[in-house]
Amino acid sequence: MMAADTNLQAWLDTVPGTQPSVVIPYVQSRENGIVRYQLNATKQGLGGISTINQSGDVQLKANTPTALTRFSLSVGERDQCKIELVLFANGNPAGSYQFECPRAQ
């Protein structure tokens, strides 16, 4: 069973050569366990505001990166954008992360 204060690492990766960008959030833990996640991506630009909300449970294997989900995101040069990821272990908050959105290159 995973403790709520388990040291979790979270990061974003993108699939190279995709337009719009395909974003994949990953989580890694030192212990096996189940983590619930809530992801919220918000983009604000000239075209208005768009949001992506996803949540679910994933089984983590100790010291192994685990993809939570994948989603597409098109962020323009002048858009404001952020990705928030909240993790829960055993029903308790286990980590909160904020990321800059990947931008088209």
N, C-alpha and C. Protein backbone atom coordinates (compact mmCIF):
# COMPACT_ATOMS: atom_id res chain seq x y z
N MET A 1 0.84 -1.18 0.00
CA MET A 1 0.00 0.00 0.00
C MET A 1 0.89 1.25 0.00
N MET A 2 0.53 2.20 -0.81
CA MET A 2 1.33 3.42 -0.95
C MET A 2 0.92 4.43 0.10
N ALA A 3 1.90 5.00 0.77
CA ALA A 3 1.63 6.04 1.77
C ALA A 3 1.34 7.36 1.07
N ALA A 4 0.53 8.20 1.70
CA ALA A 4 0.15 9.48 1.10
C ALA A 4 1.35 10.41 0.94
N ASP A 5 2.38 10.23 1.76
CA ASP A 5 3.53 11.12 1.66
C ASP A 5 4.65 10.51 0.83
N THR A 6 4.33 9.49 0.04
CA THR A 6 5.33 8.87 -0.81
C THR A 6 5.93 9.90 -1.76
N ASN A 7 7.21 9.80 -1.96
CA ASN A 7 7.89 10.71 -2.86
C ASN A 7 7.54 10.35 -4.30
N LEU A 8 6.67 11.14 -4.89
CA LEU A 8 6.26 10.95 -6.28
C LEU A 8 6.97 11.97 -7.15
N GLN A 9 7.37 11.55 -8.32
CA GLN A 9 7.92 12.45 -9.33
C GLN A 9 6.93 12.52 -10.47
N ALA A 10 6.73 13.70 -11.01
CA ALA A 10 5.83 13.88 -12.15
C ALA A 10 6.49 14.80 -13.16
N TRP A 11 6.26 14.50 -14.44
CA TRP A 11 6.81 15.34 -15.51
C TRP A 11 5.97 15.16 -16.76
N LEU A 12 6.19 16.05 -17.72
CA LEU A 12 5.50 15.99 -19.00
C LEU A 12 6.49 15.60 -20.09
N ASP A 13 6.00 14.88 -21.07
CA ASP A 13 6.76 14.57 -22.27
C ASP A 13 5.87 14.90 -23.46
N THR A 14 6.47 15.16 -24.59
CA THR A 14 5.70 15.39 -25.81
C THR A 14 6.16 14.41 -26.88
N VAL A 15 5.25 14.06 -27.76
CA VAL A 15 5.57 13.16 -28.87
C VAL A 15 6.20 14.02 -29.96
N PRO A 16 7.46 13.74 -30.35
CA PRO A 16 8.14 14.55 -31.35
C PRO A 16 7.40 14.57 -32.68
N GLY A 17 7.40 15.72 -33.32
CA GLY A 17 6.85 15.85 -34.67
C GLY A 17 5.34 15.89 -34.75
N THR A 18 4.65 16.06 -33.62
CA THR A 18 3.19 16.11 -33.66
C THR A 18 2.72 17.56 -33.63
N GLN A 19 1.71 17.86 -34.43
CA GLN A 19 1.12 19.20 -34.46
C GLN A 19 -0.38 19.05 -34.58
N PRO A 20 -1.19 19.41 -33.59
CA PRO A 20 -0.78 20.01 -32.34
C PRO A 20 0.02 19.02 -31.48
N SER A 21 0.70 19.56 -30.48
CA SER A 21 1.55 18.74 -29.62
C SER A 21 0.74 17.69 -28.88
N VAL A 22 1.24 16.46 -28.85
CA VAL A 22 0.66 15.41 -28.03
C VAL A 22 1.46 15.37 -26.73
N VAL A 23 0.77 15.61 -25.62
CA VAL A 23 1.39 15.72 -24.31
C VAL A 23 1.08 14.46 -23.50
N ILE A 24 2.12 13.92 -22.82
CA ILE A 24 1.95 12.73 -22.00
C ILE A 24 2.53 13.02 -20.61
N PRO A 25 1.67 13.11 -19.58
CA PRO A 25 2.18 13.25 -18.22
C PRO A 25 2.59 11.89 -17.66
N TYR A 26 3.72 11.86 -16.96
CA TYR A 26 4.24 10.64 -16.35
C TYR A 26 4.36 10.81 -14.85
N VAL A 27 4.26 9.69 -14.13
CA VAL A 27 4.48 9.66 -12.69
C VAL A 27 5.37 8.47 -12.37
N GLN A 28 6.22 8.66 -11.37
CA GLN A 28 7.07 7.57 -10.90
C GLN A 28 7.12 7.61 -9.37
N SER A 29 7.10 6.44 -8.75
CA SER A 29 7.13 6.32 -7.30
C SER A 29 8.19 5.31 -6.89
N ARG A 30 8.62 5.41 -5.65
CA ARG A 30 9.58 4.43 -5.12
C ARG A 30 8.88 3.15 -4.69
N GLU A 31 7.55 3.17 -4.63
CA GLU A 31 6.78 2.02 -4.18
C GLU A 31 5.72 1.63 -5.20
N ASN A 32 5.30 0.37 -5.17
CA ASN A 32 4.15 -0.06 -5.94
C ASN A 32 2.90 0.56 -5.32
N GLY A 33 1.90 0.80 -6.12
CA GLY A 33 0.64 1.32 -5.57
C GLY A 33 -0.27 1.85 -6.65
N ILE A 34 -1.40 2.35 -6.21
CA ILE A 34 -2.39 2.94 -7.11
C ILE A 34 -2.46 4.43 -6.80
N VAL A 35 -2.44 5.22 -7.85
CA VAL A 35 -2.54 6.67 -7.72
C VAL A 35 -3.72 7.15 -8.54
N ARG A 36 -4.50 8.05 -7.96
CA ARG A 36 -5.57 8.72 -8.69
C ARG A 36 -5.02 10.07 -9.12
N TYR A 37 -5.35 10.48 -10.34
CA TYR A 37 -4.87 11.77 -10.83
C TYR A 37 -6.03 12.62 -11.32
N GLN A 38 -5.84 13.93 -11.22
CA GLN A 38 -6.74 14.91 -11.81
C GLN A 38 -5.88 15.88 -12.59
N LEU A 39 -6.15 16.00 -13.88
CA LEU A 39 -5.37 16.85 -14.75
C LEU A 39 -6.27 17.94 -15.31
N ASN A 40 -5.75 19.17 -15.31
CA ASN A 40 -6.50 20.30 -15.85
C ASN A 40 -5.53 21.13 -16.68
N ALA A 41 -5.79 21.25 -17.97
CA ALA A 41 -5.00 22.11 -18.85
C ALA A 41 -5.90 23.26 -19.30
N THR A 42 -5.42 24.49 -19.12
CA THR A 42 -6.20 25.66 -19.48
C THR A 42 -5.39 26.55 -20.40
N LYS A 43 -5.99 26.90 -21.54
CA LYS A 43 -5.34 27.79 -22.51
C LYS A 43 -6.25 28.98 -22.76
N GLN A 44 -5.65 30.17 -22.72
CA GLN A 44 -6.41 31.39 -23.00
C GLN A 44 -5.67 32.16 -24.08
N GLY A 45 -6.40 32.53 -25.13
CA GLY A 45 -5.81 33.27 -26.23
C GLY A 45 -6.85 34.11 -26.95
N LEU A 46 -6.49 34.57 -28.14
CA LEU A 46 -7.40 35.41 -28.92
C LEU A 46 -8.69 34.68 -29.26
N GLY A 47 -8.64 33.36 -29.39
CA GLY A 47 -9.82 32.57 -29.73
C GLY A 47 -10.69 32.23 -28.54
N GLY A 48 -10.32 32.68 -27.34
CA GLY A 48 -11.11 32.38 -26.14
C GLY A 48 -10.36 31.48 -25.19
N ILE A 49 -11.12 30.80 -24.36
CA ILE A 49 -10.55 29.91 -23.35
C ILE A 49 -10.94 28.48 -23.66
N SER A 50 -9.97 27.57 -23.56
CA SER A 50 -10.28 26.15 -23.71
C SER A 50 -9.65 25.39 -22.54
N THR A 51 -10.34 24.34 -22.12
CA THR A 51 -9.83 23.54 -21.01
C THR A 51 -9.92 22.06 -21.35
N ILE A 52 -9.01 21.31 -20.76
CA ILE A 52 -9.02 19.85 -20.83
C ILE A 52 -9.00 19.37 -19.40
N ASN A 53 -9.97 18.54 -19.03
CA ASN A 53 -10.02 17.94 -17.69
C ASN A 53 -10.05 16.43 -17.84
N GLN A 54 -9.14 15.77 -17.17
CA GLN A 54 -9.10 14.31 -17.20
C GLN A 54 -8.77 13.81 -15.80
N SER A 55 -9.26 12.62 -15.48
CA SER A 55 -8.93 12.01 -14.21
C SER A 55 -8.99 10.50 -14.36
N GLY A 56 -8.38 9.81 -13.43
CA GLY A 56 -8.40 8.36 -13.46
C GLY A 56 -7.48 7.78 -12.42
N ASP A 57 -7.40 6.46 -12.42
CA ASP A 57 -6.51 5.72 -11.52
C ASP A 57 -5.48 4.98 -12.36
N VAL A 58 -4.24 4.92 -11.85
CA VAL A 58 -3.19 4.14 -12.52
C VAL A 58 -2.45 3.30 -11.49
N GLN A 59 -2.05 2.13 -11.93
CA GLN A 59 -1.25 1.23 -11.11
C GLN A 59 0.22 1.57 -11.35
N LEU A 60 0.95 1.88 -10.28
CA LEU A 60 2.37 2.20 -10.40
C LEU A 60 3.21 1.01 -9.97
N LYS A 61 4.27 0.76 -10.74
CA LYS A 61 5.27 -0.23 -10.38
C LYS A 61 6.49 0.55 -9.89
N ALA A 62 7.06 0.16 -8.78
CA ALA A 62 8.16 0.89 -8.16
C ALA A 62 9.26 1.24 -9.16
N ASN A 63 9.68 2.50 -9.12
CA ASN A 63 10.80 3.01 -9.91
C ASN A 63 10.63 2.86 -11.42
N THR A 64 9.37 2.82 -11.88
CA THR A 64 9.07 2.68 -13.30
C THR A 64 8.16 3.84 -13.74
N PRO A 65 8.60 4.66 -14.70
CA PRO A 65 7.73 5.73 -15.19
C PRO A 65 6.42 5.17 -15.75
N THR A 66 5.30 5.79 -15.38
CA THR A 66 3.99 5.36 -15.82
C THR A 66 3.25 6.53 -16.46
N ALA A 67 2.81 6.35 -17.70
CA ALA A 67 2.02 7.39 -18.39
C ALA A 67 0.63 7.43 -17.79
N LEU A 68 0.14 8.63 -17.51
CA LEU A 68 -1.20 8.77 -16.95
C LEU A 68 -2.26 8.83 -18.03
N THR A 69 -1.98 9.59 -19.08
CA THR A 69 -2.93 9.81 -20.16
C THR A 69 -2.15 10.43 -21.31
N ARG A 70 -2.83 10.83 -22.34
CA ARG A 70 -2.23 11.63 -23.41
C ARG A 70 -3.32 12.52 -23.98
N PHE A 71 -2.92 13.72 -24.38
CA PHE A 71 -3.88 14.66 -24.95
C PHE A 71 -3.16 15.59 -25.91
N SER A 72 -3.93 16.20 -26.80
CA SER A 72 -3.39 17.13 -27.79
C SER A 72 -3.62 18.56 -27.32
N LEU A 73 -2.62 19.41 -27.60
CA LEU A 73 -2.70 20.79 -27.17
C LEU A 73 -1.98 21.66 -28.18
N SER A 74 -2.70 22.66 -28.70
CA SER A 74 -2.11 23.60 -29.64
C SER A 74 -2.02 24.95 -28.95
N VAL A 75 -0.78 25.41 -28.70
CA VAL A 75 -0.57 26.65 -27.97
C VAL A 75 0.17 27.63 -28.87
N GLY A 76 -0.44 28.77 -29.09
CA GLY A 76 0.17 29.80 -29.92
C GLY A 76 1.18 30.63 -29.14
N GLU A 77 1.91 31.41 -29.87
CA GLU A 77 2.98 32.23 -29.30
C GLU A 77 2.49 33.18 -28.20
N ARG A 78 1.29 33.72 -28.38
CA ARG A 78 0.77 34.71 -27.43
C ARG A 78 -0.25 34.13 -26.44
N ASP A 79 -0.52 32.84 -26.54
CA ASP A 79 -1.48 32.21 -25.63
C ASP A 79 -0.91 32.06 -24.23
N GLN A 80 -1.78 32.16 -23.25
CA GLN A 80 -1.42 31.83 -21.88
C GLN A 80 -1.92 30.41 -21.63
N CYS A 81 -1.07 29.59 -21.04
CA CYS A 81 -1.44 28.19 -20.90
C CYS A 81 -0.73 27.58 -19.69
N LYS A 82 -1.47 26.73 -18.96
CA LYS A 82 -0.86 26.00 -17.85
C LYS A 82 -1.51 24.63 -17.72
N ILE A 83 -0.74 23.71 -17.18
CA ILE A 83 -1.21 22.35 -16.93
C ILE A 83 -1.03 22.08 -15.44
N GLU A 84 -2.11 21.69 -14.78
CA GLU A 84 -2.06 21.36 -13.36
C GLU A 84 -2.36 19.88 -13.19
N LEU A 85 -1.56 19.22 -12.36
CA LEU A 85 -1.72 17.80 -12.09
C LEU A 85 -1.76 17.60 -10.59
N VAL A 86 -2.82 16.97 -10.09
CA VAL A 86 -2.95 16.67 -8.67
C VAL A 86 -3.03 15.15 -8.53
N LEU A 87 -2.20 14.61 -7.63
CA LEU A 87 -2.14 13.17 -7.40
C LEU A 87 -2.67 12.84 -6.01
N PHE A 88 -3.34 11.70 -5.91
CA PHE A 88 -3.89 11.21 -4.64
C PHE A 88 -3.45 9.76 -4.43
N ALA A 89 -3.03 9.45 -3.21
CA ALA A 89 -2.71 8.07 -2.83
C ALA A 89 -3.54 7.73 -1.60
N ASN A 90 -4.24 6.62 -1.65
CA ASN A 90 -5.10 6.21 -0.53
C ASN A 90 -6.13 7.28 -0.17
N GLY A 91 -6.60 8.02 -1.17
CA GLY A 91 -7.60 9.04 -0.95
C GLY A 91 -7.08 10.35 -0.39
N ASN A 92 -5.77 10.44 -0.18
CA ASN A 92 -5.17 11.65 0.38
C ASN A 92 -4.30 12.35 -0.66
N PRO A 93 -4.26 13.69 -0.64
CA PRO A 93 -3.38 14.40 -1.58
C PRO A 93 -1.94 13.90 -1.44
N ALA A 94 -1.31 13.62 -2.57
CA ALA A 94 0.06 13.08 -2.56
C ALA A 94 1.01 13.94 -3.39
N GLY A 95 0.50 14.95 -4.07
CA GLY A 95 1.37 15.82 -4.86
C GLY A 95 0.54 16.73 -5.74
N SER A 96 1.03 17.94 -5.93
CA SER A 96 0.40 18.91 -6.81
C SER A 96 1.50 19.55 -7.65
N TYR A 97 1.28 19.58 -8.96
CA TYR A 97 2.32 20.02 -9.89
C TYR A 97 1.72 20.99 -10.89
N GLN A 98 2.49 22.01 -11.26
CA GLN A 98 2.08 22.94 -12.32
C GLN A 98 3.18 22.97 -13.37
N PHE A 99 2.77 22.94 -14.62
CA PHE A 99 3.69 22.91 -15.74
C PHE A 99 3.34 23.99 -16.76
N GLU A 100 4.34 24.48 -17.44
CA GLU A 100 4.13 25.32 -18.60
C GLU A 100 3.68 24.40 -19.74
N CYS A 101 2.82 24.91 -20.60
CA CYS A 101 2.39 24.13 -21.76
C CYS A 101 3.50 24.11 -22.80
N PRO A 102 3.67 22.98 -23.49
CA PRO A 102 4.64 22.95 -24.58
C PRO A 102 4.16 23.84 -25.73
N ARG A 103 5.07 24.50 -26.36
CA ARG A 103 4.74 25.41 -27.45
C ARG A 103 5.24 24.85 -28.78
N ALA A 104 4.52 25.15 -29.83
CA ALA A 104 4.94 24.72 -31.17
C ALA A 104 6.29 25.35 -31.49
N GLN A 105 7.14 24.56 -32.13
CA GLN A 105 8.48 25.07 -32.46
C GLN A 105 8.66 25.23 -33.93
